[in-house]
Amino acid sequence: NAYVQPIRDIPANTPLCRSYGNPANPSYLLARYGFLEEDHPWSFCKLLPGHVTEEMVDLGYHPHRLLFDKTTGDVSEEVWDVLLYLVLGDEDTCGDGGATQRQFHRAHLEGNHEVKAQIHREWYVHTLATLAEHVEEVLRELEVLEEKG
């Protein structure tokens, strides 16, 4: 049972609908209501680094922008940018003291698409491997949750 206080007059027999929030972020729907909205093609990619920096926010780190298309497998530009930024910040992988990471961030802020695209091309294999690792981790988590359910 629920008690609803309308903020305006509602005609008799008008159906009332409950919003389940942003359908692009299924984590909230699943955690709060126990289901996922099937007909929405875009979904939050669940990219949750340990620490979100101001630079990552500049690159588009926000749950409403870190999306993938469940029907085509397309990944939003923001996902690629944030993943590349993380790869470039890994000293074991990049090894240049963050110089390329800073160059990439600066190119993004300045709208320098050529430099940004060049860095994406140079580091594509590493970024793709990071994305694949992320997808595998999410699939393992879903398996565990499915077994518990």
Protein backbone atom coordinates (compact mmCIF):
# COMPACT_ATOMS: atom_id res chain seq x y z
CA ASN A 1 0.00 0.00 0.00
CA ALA A 2 1.11 3.54 -0.67
CA TYR A 3 -0.17 6.99 0.14
CA VAL A 4 0.25 9.54 -2.67
CA GLN A 5 -0.08 13.31 -2.28
CA PRO A 6 -0.56 14.92 -5.71
CA ILE A 7 0.85 18.38 -6.36
CA ARG A 8 -1.97 19.24 -8.79
CA ASP A 9 -5.58 18.21 -9.42
CA ILE A 10 -5.93 14.84 -11.12
CA PRO A 11 -9.19 13.92 -12.89
CA ALA A 12 -11.03 10.86 -11.60
CA ASN A 13 -10.01 7.52 -13.20
CA THR A 14 -6.70 8.93 -14.46
CA PRO A 15 -4.05 6.19 -14.21
CA LEU A 16 -1.07 7.01 -12.01
CA CYS A 17 2.33 5.73 -13.05
CA ARG A 18 5.46 5.27 -11.00
CA SER A 19 8.78 6.27 -12.50
CA TYR A 20 11.55 3.76 -11.99
CA GLY A 21 14.23 6.37 -12.66
CA ASN A 22 16.76 6.43 -15.46
CA PRO A 23 16.37 3.28 -17.58
CA ALA A 24 19.95 3.66 -18.84
CA ASN A 25 21.24 2.70 -15.39
CA PRO A 26 19.91 -0.78 -14.72
CA SER A 27 21.86 -1.20 -11.50
CA TYR A 28 19.41 1.05 -9.65
CA LEU A 29 16.39 -0.74 -11.10
CA LEU A 30 17.77 -4.17 -10.28
CA ALA A 31 18.88 -3.23 -6.77
CA ARG A 32 15.75 -1.30 -5.83
CA TYR A 33 12.96 -3.08 -7.71
CA GLY A 34 14.45 -6.44 -8.71
CA PHE A 35 14.12 -6.15 -12.51
CA LEU A 36 15.71 -4.65 -15.60
CA GLU A 37 13.82 -2.74 -18.27
CA GLU A 38 14.11 -4.96 -21.34
CA ASP A 39 13.04 -2.56 -24.10
CA HIS A 40 15.65 0.16 -23.52
CA PRO A 41 18.68 -0.48 -25.79
CA TRP A 42 21.24 1.64 -23.89
CA SER A 43 22.55 0.53 -20.53
CA PHE A 44 25.03 1.85 -17.96
CA CYS A 45 28.36 0.08 -18.44
CA LYS A 46 29.11 -0.20 -14.68
CA LEU A 47 32.58 1.30 -15.05
CA LEU A 48 33.40 2.10 -11.43
CA PRO A 49 37.06 2.99 -10.85
CA GLY A 50 38.31 3.27 -7.28
CA HIS A 51 38.78 7.03 -7.56
CA VAL A 52 37.04 9.37 -10.02
CA THR A 53 39.20 12.37 -10.84
CA GLU A 54 38.15 15.79 -12.09
CA GLU A 55 39.81 14.91 -15.42
CA MET A 56 37.64 11.80 -15.75
CA VAL A 57 34.54 13.92 -15.18
CA ASP A 58 35.81 16.29 -17.89
CA LEU A 59 36.05 13.28 -20.24
CA GLY A 60 32.43 12.32 -19.55
CA TYR A 61 32.53 10.12 -16.46
CA HIS A 62 28.87 10.10 -15.40
CA PRO A 63 26.46 7.15 -15.20
CA HIS A 64 24.12 8.81 -17.70
CA ARG A 65 26.91 9.01 -20.29
CA LEU A 66 28.90 5.80 -19.74
CA LEU A 67 26.63 3.65 -21.87
CA PHE A 68 26.63 0.67 -24.19
CA ASP A 69 23.97 -0.44 -26.65
CA LYS A 70 22.67 -3.88 -25.66
CA THR A 71 21.44 -4.59 -29.20
CA THR A 72 24.50 -3.58 -31.25
CA GLY A 73 27.33 -3.69 -28.69
CA ASP A 74 28.24 -0.06 -29.46
CA VAL A 75 30.04 1.73 -26.65
CA SER A 76 29.67 5.46 -26.01
CA GLU A 77 32.58 7.78 -26.73
CA GLU A 78 32.74 8.63 -23.03
CA VAL A 79 33.42 4.98 -22.12
CA TRP A 80 36.31 4.82 -24.62
CA ASP A 81 37.70 8.15 -23.37
CA VAL A 82 37.57 7.23 -19.68
CA LEU A 83 39.03 3.77 -20.31
CA LEU A 84 41.87 5.24 -22.37
CA TYR A 85 42.53 7.82 -19.66
CA LEU A 86 42.80 4.99 -17.10
CA VAL A 87 45.13 3.00 -19.39
CA LEU A 88 47.35 6.04 -19.92
CA GLY A 89 47.54 6.56 -16.17
CA ASP A 90 48.84 3.03 -15.57
CA GLU A 91 52.59 3.44 -15.24
CA ASP A 92 53.18 -0.27 -15.93
CA THR A 93 51.36 0.03 -19.26
CA CYS A 94 52.22 3.53 -20.43
CA GLY A 95 55.43 4.28 -18.55
CA ASP A 96 55.78 7.96 -19.43
CA GLY A 97 54.94 9.52 -16.08
CA GLY A 98 51.44 10.53 -17.21
CA ALA A 99 52.59 12.73 -20.11
CA THR A 100 50.34 11.03 -22.69
CA GLN A 101 47.45 11.02 -20.22
CA ARG A 102 47.82 14.78 -19.73
CA GLN A 103 48.15 15.29 -23.51
CA PHE A 104 44.95 13.31 -24.09
CA HIS A 105 43.03 15.29 -21.45
CA ARG A 106 44.30 18.60 -22.85
CA ALA A 107 43.30 17.57 -26.40
CA HIS A 108 39.82 16.74 -25.12
CA LEU A 109 39.43 20.09 -23.35
CA GLU A 110 40.70 21.99 -26.40
CA GLY A 111 38.48 20.03 -28.81
CA ASN A 112 41.55 18.77 -30.67
CA HIS A 113 39.92 15.72 -32.26
CA GLU A 114 42.96 14.85 -34.38
CA VAL A 115 45.29 14.43 -31.40
CA LYS A 116 42.60 12.64 -29.44
CA ALA A 117 41.95 10.20 -32.31
CA GLN A 118 45.69 9.62 -32.78
CA ILE A 119 46.12 8.69 -29.11
CA HIS A 120 43.04 6.45 -29.30
CA ARG A 121 44.55 4.65 -32.33
CA GLU A 122 47.96 4.22 -30.67
CA TRP A 123 46.45 2.75 -27.51
CA TYR A 124 43.44 0.92 -28.99
CA VAL A 125 44.75 -2.58 -28.23
CA HIS A 126 45.30 -1.70 -24.56
CA THR A 127 41.97 0.11 -24.25
CA LEU A 128 40.12 -2.79 -25.88
CA ALA A 129 41.82 -5.26 -23.52
CA THR A 130 40.76 -3.11 -20.54
CA LEU A 131 37.18 -3.04 -21.83
CA ALA A 132 37.21 -6.82 -22.33
CA GLU A 133 38.50 -7.32 -18.77
CA HIS A 134 35.72 -5.06 -17.48
CA VAL A 135 33.04 -6.98 -19.41
CA GLU A 136 34.39 -10.31 -18.11
CA GLU A 137 34.34 -8.99 -14.54
CA VAL A 138 30.73 -7.80 -14.87
CA LEU A 139 29.71 -11.17 -16.37
CA ARG A 140 31.35 -13.00 -13.46
CA GLU A 141 29.47 -10.75 -10.99
CA LEU A 142 26.20 -11.46 -12.79
CA GLU A 143 26.89 -15.19 -12.66
CA VAL A 144 27.41 -15.02 -8.91
CA LEU A 145 24.23 -12.98 -8.46
CA GLU A 146 22.29 -15.42 -10.66
CA GLU A 147 23.50 -18.37 -8.56
CA LYS A 148 22.41 -16.59 -5.36
CA GLY A 149 19.00 -15.74 -6.88
